[in-house]
């Protein structure tokens, strides 16, 4: 009768080694990114590339996080103060859905801003 324990031990060791040495991907790494803009390639990304990238770097978009209301307020602020053009309603809805899904608060890696009472 053959002893299988040495083979089983080696197999177990290889499985454990693979589990703890295989890099895990973050949400952003698991999604396809457009190499020119850095935006997540998904429905609506072309609108973000065109409307957002028409005035500033796409990195300004990818560095922000928020829900649909945050993104709507940001767009309204840019329209009011930065001369952003009116975006057709249908396009704006697709754009807001894209931004809220791929650049939302759940995927935020920075601490929230300090409240005014804690600023110097």
N, C-alpha and C. Protein backbone atom coordinates (compact mmCIF):
# COMPACT_ATOMS: atom_id res chain seq x y z
N UNK A 1 0.84 -1.19 0.00
CA UNK A 1 0.00 0.00 0.00
C UNK A 1 0.89 1.25 0.00
N UNK A 2 0.60 2.18 -0.94
CA UNK A 2 1.40 3.41 -1.06
C UNK A 2 0.91 4.45 -0.05
N UNK A 3 1.85 5.24 0.37
CA UNK A 3 1.47 6.37 1.24
C UNK A 3 1.21 7.59 0.37
N UNK A 4 0.05 8.19 0.51
CA UNK A 4 -0.34 9.35 -0.29
C UNK A 4 -0.15 10.66 0.46
N UNK A 5 0.20 10.60 1.72
CA UNK A 5 0.31 11.82 2.52
C UNK A 5 1.33 12.80 1.96
N UNK A 6 2.52 12.37 1.52
CA UNK A 6 3.45 13.37 0.99
C UNK A 6 2.88 14.10 -0.23
N UNK A 7 2.20 13.40 -1.13
CA UNK A 7 1.60 14.05 -2.30
C UNK A 7 0.49 15.00 -1.88
N UNK A 8 -0.32 14.56 -0.95
CA UNK A 8 -1.42 15.39 -0.47
C UNK A 8 -0.88 16.65 0.21
N UNK A 9 0.18 16.51 0.96
CA UNK A 9 0.81 17.65 1.62
C UNK A 9 1.36 18.65 0.62
N UNK A 10 1.99 18.13 -0.42
CA UNK A 10 2.53 19.02 -1.47
C UNK A 10 1.40 19.73 -2.19
N UNK A 11 0.34 18.98 -2.51
CA UNK A 11 -0.80 19.58 -3.18
C UNK A 11 -1.44 20.67 -2.32
N UNK A 12 -1.61 20.39 -1.05
CA UNK A 12 -2.17 21.38 -0.13
C UNK A 12 -1.28 22.61 -0.04
N UNK A 13 0.01 22.40 0.04
CA UNK A 13 0.96 23.51 0.10
C UNK A 13 0.86 24.37 -1.15
N UNK A 14 0.75 23.76 -2.34
CA UNK A 14 0.64 24.51 -3.59
C UNK A 14 -0.66 25.31 -3.65
N UNK A 15 -1.75 24.70 -3.18
CA UNK A 15 -3.03 25.42 -3.16
C UNK A 15 -2.95 26.64 -2.25
N UNK A 16 -2.42 26.46 -1.06
CA UNK A 16 -2.29 27.58 -0.13
C UNK A 16 -1.35 28.65 -0.68
N UNK A 17 -0.27 28.25 -1.27
CA UNK A 17 0.67 29.19 -1.86
C UNK A 17 0.00 30.02 -2.95
N UNK A 18 -0.79 29.36 -3.78
CA UNK A 18 -1.51 30.06 -4.85
C UNK A 18 -2.55 31.02 -4.29
N UNK A 19 -3.25 30.60 -3.24
CA UNK A 19 -4.28 31.46 -2.65
C UNK A 19 -3.70 32.74 -2.08
N UNK A 20 -2.55 32.64 -1.45
CA UNK A 20 -2.01 33.81 -0.75
C UNK A 20 -1.00 34.60 -1.56
N UNK A 21 -0.64 34.14 -2.74
CA UNK A 21 0.32 34.89 -3.55
C UNK A 21 -0.29 35.44 -4.82
N UNK A 22 -1.51 35.03 -5.17
CA UNK A 22 -2.17 35.53 -6.37
C UNK A 22 -2.74 36.91 -6.06
N UNK A 23 -2.32 37.92 -6.82
CA UNK A 23 -2.84 39.26 -6.54
C UNK A 23 -4.33 39.34 -6.80
N UNK A 24 -5.03 40.08 -5.96
CA UNK A 24 -6.45 40.31 -6.17
C UNK A 24 -6.62 41.65 -6.87
N UNK A 25 -7.64 41.75 -7.66
CA UNK A 25 -7.88 42.97 -8.42
C UNK A 25 -8.89 43.84 -7.70
N UNK A 26 -8.65 45.13 -7.71
CA UNK A 26 -9.64 46.06 -7.16
C UNK A 26 -10.76 46.20 -8.19
N UNK A 27 -11.82 46.88 -7.82
CA UNK A 27 -12.96 47.07 -8.73
C UNK A 27 -12.51 47.77 -10.00
N UNK A 28 -11.70 48.83 -9.86
CA UNK A 28 -11.25 49.58 -11.03
C UNK A 28 -10.37 48.73 -11.92
N UNK A 29 -9.51 47.89 -11.32
CA UNK A 29 -8.62 47.05 -12.11
C UNK A 29 -9.38 45.96 -12.83
N UNK A 30 -10.48 45.52 -12.27
CA UNK A 30 -11.26 44.44 -12.87
C UNK A 30 -12.06 44.94 -14.06
N UNK A 31 -12.25 46.24 -14.20
CA UNK A 31 -13.01 46.80 -15.29
C UNK A 31 -12.06 47.29 -16.38
N UNK A 32 -12.54 47.26 -17.60
CA UNK A 32 -11.74 47.76 -18.71
C UNK A 32 -11.68 49.28 -18.65
N UNK A 33 -10.49 49.83 -18.78
CA UNK A 33 -10.31 51.27 -18.80
C UNK A 33 -9.89 51.70 -20.20
N UNK A 34 -10.43 52.81 -20.65
CA UNK A 34 -10.02 53.38 -21.93
C UNK A 34 -8.60 53.92 -21.77
N UNK A 35 -7.66 53.48 -22.59
CA UNK A 35 -6.27 53.92 -22.41
C UNK A 35 -6.06 55.41 -22.64
N UNK A 36 -6.88 56.03 -23.46
CA UNK A 36 -6.70 57.46 -23.74
C UNK A 36 -7.22 58.35 -22.62
N UNK A 37 -8.32 57.94 -21.97
CA UNK A 37 -8.95 58.80 -20.96
C UNK A 37 -8.82 58.29 -19.54
N UNK A 38 -8.64 56.99 -19.38
CA UNK A 38 -8.63 56.39 -18.05
C UNK A 38 -10.01 56.13 -17.49
N UNK A 39 -11.04 56.40 -18.29
CA UNK A 39 -12.42 56.18 -17.86
C UNK A 39 -12.79 54.70 -18.00
N UNK A 40 -13.66 54.23 -17.11
CA UNK A 40 -14.18 52.87 -17.19
C UNK A 40 -15.01 52.77 -18.47
N UNK A 41 -14.72 51.74 -19.28
CA UNK A 41 -15.46 51.53 -20.52
C UNK A 41 -16.76 50.81 -20.19
N UNK A 42 -17.85 51.52 -20.30
CA UNK A 42 -19.18 51.00 -20.03
C UNK A 42 -20.17 51.96 -20.69
N UNK A 43 -21.44 51.59 -20.68
CA UNK A 43 -22.43 52.47 -21.30
C UNK A 43 -22.34 53.88 -20.73
N UNK A 44 -22.16 54.85 -21.61
CA UNK A 44 -22.09 56.24 -21.20
C UNK A 44 -20.68 56.80 -21.11
N UNK A 45 -19.66 55.96 -21.26
CA UNK A 45 -18.30 56.48 -21.08
C UNK A 45 -17.93 57.46 -22.18
N UNK A 46 -18.47 57.27 -23.40
CA UNK A 46 -18.16 58.20 -24.48
C UNK A 46 -18.72 59.60 -24.18
N UNK A 47 -19.90 59.64 -23.53
CA UNK A 47 -20.47 60.93 -23.14
C UNK A 47 -19.58 61.62 -22.12
N UNK A 48 -19.09 60.85 -21.15
CA UNK A 48 -18.19 61.43 -20.15
C UNK A 48 -16.90 61.91 -20.81
N UNK A 49 -16.39 61.13 -21.74
CA UNK A 49 -15.16 61.53 -22.43
C UNK A 49 -15.37 62.84 -23.18
N UNK A 50 -16.52 62.97 -23.85
CA UNK A 50 -16.78 64.16 -24.65
C UNK A 50 -17.14 65.37 -23.80
N UNK A 51 -18.12 65.21 -22.92
CA UNK A 51 -18.60 66.37 -22.16
C UNK A 51 -17.61 66.79 -21.08
N UNK A 52 -17.04 65.86 -20.38
CA UNK A 52 -16.12 66.21 -19.29
C UNK A 52 -14.74 66.58 -19.83
N UNK A 53 -14.29 65.78 -20.79
CA UNK A 53 -12.96 66.02 -21.34
C UNK A 53 -12.89 67.20 -22.29
N UNK A 54 -14.03 67.79 -22.62
CA UNK A 54 -14.03 68.98 -23.48
C UNK A 54 -13.43 70.20 -22.80
N UNK A 55 -13.41 70.20 -21.47
CA UNK A 55 -12.91 71.37 -20.73
C UNK A 55 -11.73 71.06 -19.82
N UNK A 56 -11.66 69.83 -19.31
CA UNK A 56 -10.58 69.53 -18.35
C UNK A 56 -10.14 68.09 -18.50
N UNK A 57 -9.10 67.76 -17.79
CA UNK A 57 -8.55 66.41 -17.83
C UNK A 57 -9.56 65.39 -17.32
N UNK A 58 -9.54 64.22 -17.91
CA UNK A 58 -10.41 63.14 -17.44
C UNK A 58 -10.02 62.69 -16.04
N UNK A 59 -8.80 62.97 -15.64
CA UNK A 59 -8.37 62.61 -14.29
C UNK A 59 -9.16 63.37 -13.23
N UNK A 60 -9.65 64.53 -13.58
CA UNK A 60 -10.48 65.27 -12.64
C UNK A 60 -11.78 64.50 -12.37
N UNK A 61 -12.27 63.79 -13.36
CA UNK A 61 -13.47 62.96 -13.19
C UNK A 61 -13.13 61.73 -12.36
N UNK A 62 -12.07 61.03 -12.74
CA UNK A 62 -11.74 59.77 -12.09
C UNK A 62 -11.29 59.96 -10.64
N UNK A 63 -10.93 61.17 -10.27
CA UNK A 63 -10.51 61.44 -8.89
C UNK A 63 -11.68 61.77 -7.97
N UNK A 64 -12.87 61.95 -8.55
CA UNK A 64 -14.05 62.33 -7.76
C UNK A 64 -14.92 61.11 -7.49
N UNK A 65 -15.72 61.19 -6.45
CA UNK A 65 -16.67 60.13 -6.13
C UNK A 65 -17.96 60.75 -5.62
N UNK A 66 -19.08 60.19 -6.04
CA UNK A 66 -20.35 60.68 -5.54
C UNK A 66 -21.52 59.95 -6.16
N UNK A 67 -22.68 60.19 -5.59
CA UNK A 67 -23.90 59.60 -6.13
C UNK A 67 -24.41 60.49 -7.27
N UNK A 68 -25.55 60.14 -7.83
CA UNK A 68 -26.10 60.90 -8.96
C UNK A 68 -26.35 62.36 -8.59
N UNK A 69 -26.80 62.60 -7.38
CA UNK A 69 -27.06 63.98 -6.94
C UNK A 69 -25.76 64.79 -6.87
N UNK A 70 -24.70 64.18 -6.38
CA UNK A 70 -23.39 64.85 -6.36
C UNK A 70 -22.98 65.24 -7.77
N UNK A 71 -23.08 64.30 -8.71
CA UNK A 71 -22.67 64.58 -10.08
C UNK A 71 -23.58 65.61 -10.74
N UNK A 72 -24.88 65.57 -10.46
CA UNK A 72 -25.82 66.56 -11.01
C UNK A 72 -25.45 67.95 -10.49
N UNK A 73 -25.20 68.06 -9.19
CA UNK A 73 -24.81 69.35 -8.61
C UNK A 73 -23.49 69.85 -9.19
N UNK A 74 -22.57 68.94 -9.44
CA UNK A 74 -21.28 69.33 -10.03
C UNK A 74 -21.49 69.86 -11.44
N UNK A 75 -22.33 69.19 -12.22
CA UNK A 75 -22.63 69.66 -13.57
C UNK A 75 -23.30 71.03 -13.53
N UNK A 76 -24.27 71.21 -12.63
CA UNK A 76 -24.97 72.51 -12.52
C UNK A 76 -24.00 73.61 -12.11
N UNK A 77 -23.08 73.31 -11.20
CA UNK A 77 -22.09 74.30 -10.79
C UNK A 77 -21.21 74.69 -11.97
N UNK A 78 -20.78 73.71 -12.76
CA UNK A 78 -19.94 74.01 -13.93
C UNK A 78 -20.72 74.80 -14.97
N UNK A 79 -22.01 74.54 -15.11
CA UNK A 79 -22.83 75.31 -16.04
C UNK A 79 -23.00 76.74 -15.56
N UNK A 80 -23.17 76.91 -14.25
CA UNK A 80 -23.36 78.24 -13.68
C UNK A 80 -22.08 79.06 -13.67
N UNK A 81 -20.95 78.45 -13.36
CA UNK A 81 -19.73 79.22 -13.10
C UNK A 81 -18.59 78.98 -14.08
N UNK A 82 -18.62 77.87 -14.80
CA UNK A 82 -17.48 77.52 -15.65
C UNK A 82 -17.82 77.49 -17.14
N UNK A 83 -19.01 77.94 -17.49
CA UNK A 83 -19.43 78.03 -18.89
C UNK A 83 -19.66 76.68 -19.56
N UNK A 84 -20.00 75.66 -18.78
CA UNK A 84 -20.34 74.37 -19.38
C UNK A 84 -21.66 74.50 -20.13
N UNK A 85 -21.70 73.95 -21.31
CA UNK A 85 -22.88 73.99 -22.16
C UNK A 85 -24.02 73.15 -21.57
N UNK A 86 -25.23 73.39 -22.07
CA UNK A 86 -26.38 72.57 -21.68
C UNK A 86 -26.22 71.19 -22.31
N UNK A 87 -26.40 70.18 -21.53
CA UNK A 87 -26.34 68.81 -22.01
C UNK A 87 -27.78 68.35 -22.24
N UNK A 88 -28.08 67.81 -23.42
CA UNK A 88 -29.45 67.33 -23.66
C UNK A 88 -29.88 66.36 -22.56
N UNK A 89 -31.14 66.45 -22.16
CA UNK A 89 -31.68 65.69 -21.02
C UNK A 89 -31.39 64.19 -21.12
N UNK A 90 -31.64 63.61 -22.28
CA UNK A 90 -31.42 62.16 -22.44
C UNK A 90 -29.95 61.81 -22.23
N UNK A 91 -29.06 62.63 -22.78
CA UNK A 91 -27.62 62.38 -22.60
C UNK A 91 -27.20 62.58 -21.15
N UNK A 92 -27.77 63.60 -20.51
CA UNK A 92 -27.41 63.87 -19.12
C UNK A 92 -27.82 62.70 -18.21
N UNK A 93 -28.97 62.10 -18.47
CA UNK A 93 -29.41 60.97 -17.65
C UNK A 93 -28.46 59.78 -17.79
N UNK A 94 -28.03 59.50 -19.02
CA UNK A 94 -27.07 58.41 -19.25
C UNK A 94 -25.74 58.75 -18.59
N UNK A 95 -25.30 60.00 -18.73
CA UNK A 95 -24.04 60.45 -18.12
C UNK A 95 -24.09 60.34 -16.60
N UNK A 96 -25.17 60.79 -15.99
CA UNK A 96 -25.31 60.71 -14.53
C UNK A 96 -25.32 59.26 -14.05
N UNK A 97 -26.02 58.40 -14.77
CA UNK A 97 -26.06 56.97 -14.40
C UNK A 97 -24.67 56.36 -14.48
N UNK A 98 -23.92 56.70 -15.52
CA UNK A 98 -22.55 56.20 -15.69
C UNK A 98 -21.66 56.67 -14.55
N UNK A 99 -21.67 57.96 -14.28
CA UNK A 99 -20.81 58.51 -13.24
C UNK A 99 -21.17 57.96 -11.86
N UNK A 100 -22.47 57.87 -11.57
CA UNK A 100 -22.89 57.37 -10.26
C UNK A 100 -22.57 55.89 -10.09
N UNK A 101 -22.55 55.14 -11.18
CA UNK A 101 -22.24 53.72 -11.07
C UNK A 101 -20.74 53.45 -10.95
N UNK A 102 -19.95 54.16 -11.74
CA UNK A 102 -18.52 53.84 -11.82
C UNK A 102 -17.63 54.76 -10.99
N UNK A 103 -18.14 55.88 -10.56
CA UNK A 103 -17.37 56.82 -9.73
C UNK A 103 -18.23 57.24 -8.55
N UNK A 104 -18.61 56.25 -7.75
CA UNK A 104 -19.52 56.49 -6.63
C UNK A 104 -18.79 56.44 -5.31
N UNK A 105 -19.49 56.79 -4.26
CA UNK A 105 -18.90 56.88 -2.93
C UNK A 105 -18.47 55.52 -2.38
N UNK A 106 -19.05 54.44 -2.87
CA UNK A 106 -18.69 53.11 -2.37
C UNK A 106 -17.27 52.73 -2.76
N UNK A 107 -16.75 53.33 -3.83
CA UNK A 107 -15.41 53.01 -4.31
C UNK A 107 -14.44 54.13 -3.96
N UNK A 108 -14.66 54.78 -2.86
CA UNK A 108 -13.88 55.95 -2.48
C UNK A 108 -12.69 55.54 -1.63
N UNK A 109 -11.51 55.98 -1.99
CA UNK A 109 -10.33 55.59 -1.27
C UNK A 109 -9.73 56.68 -0.40
N UNK A 110 -10.35 57.82 -0.34
CA UNK A 110 -9.83 58.92 0.47
C UNK A 110 -10.80 59.23 1.59
N UNK A 111 -10.29 59.90 2.60
CA UNK A 111 -11.16 60.31 3.69
C UNK A 111 -12.06 61.44 3.21
N UNK A 112 -13.23 61.60 3.82
CA UNK A 112 -14.11 62.72 3.43
C UNK A 112 -13.47 64.04 3.85
N UNK A 113 -13.87 65.13 3.21
CA UNK A 113 -13.33 66.44 3.60
C UNK A 113 -13.65 66.75 5.07
N UNK A 114 -12.77 67.52 5.70
CA UNK A 114 -12.99 67.93 7.08
C UNK A 114 -14.12 68.94 7.14
N UNK A 115 -14.93 68.90 8.19
CA UNK A 115 -15.95 69.95 8.35
C UNK A 115 -15.28 71.28 8.63
N UNK A 116 -15.97 72.37 8.30
CA UNK A 116 -15.42 73.70 8.47
C UNK A 116 -14.97 73.95 9.93
N UNK A 117 -15.66 73.36 10.88
CA UNK A 117 -15.30 73.57 12.29
C UNK A 117 -13.93 72.98 12.65
N UNK A 118 -13.42 72.08 11.83
CA UNK A 118 -12.13 71.46 12.11
C UNK A 118 -10.99 72.02 11.28
N UNK A 119 -11.31 72.99 10.40
CA UNK A 119 -10.27 73.58 9.58
C UNK A 119 -9.56 74.69 10.36
N UNK A 120 -8.30 74.94 10.03
CA UNK A 120 -7.55 76.00 10.75
C UNK A 120 -8.11 77.38 10.49
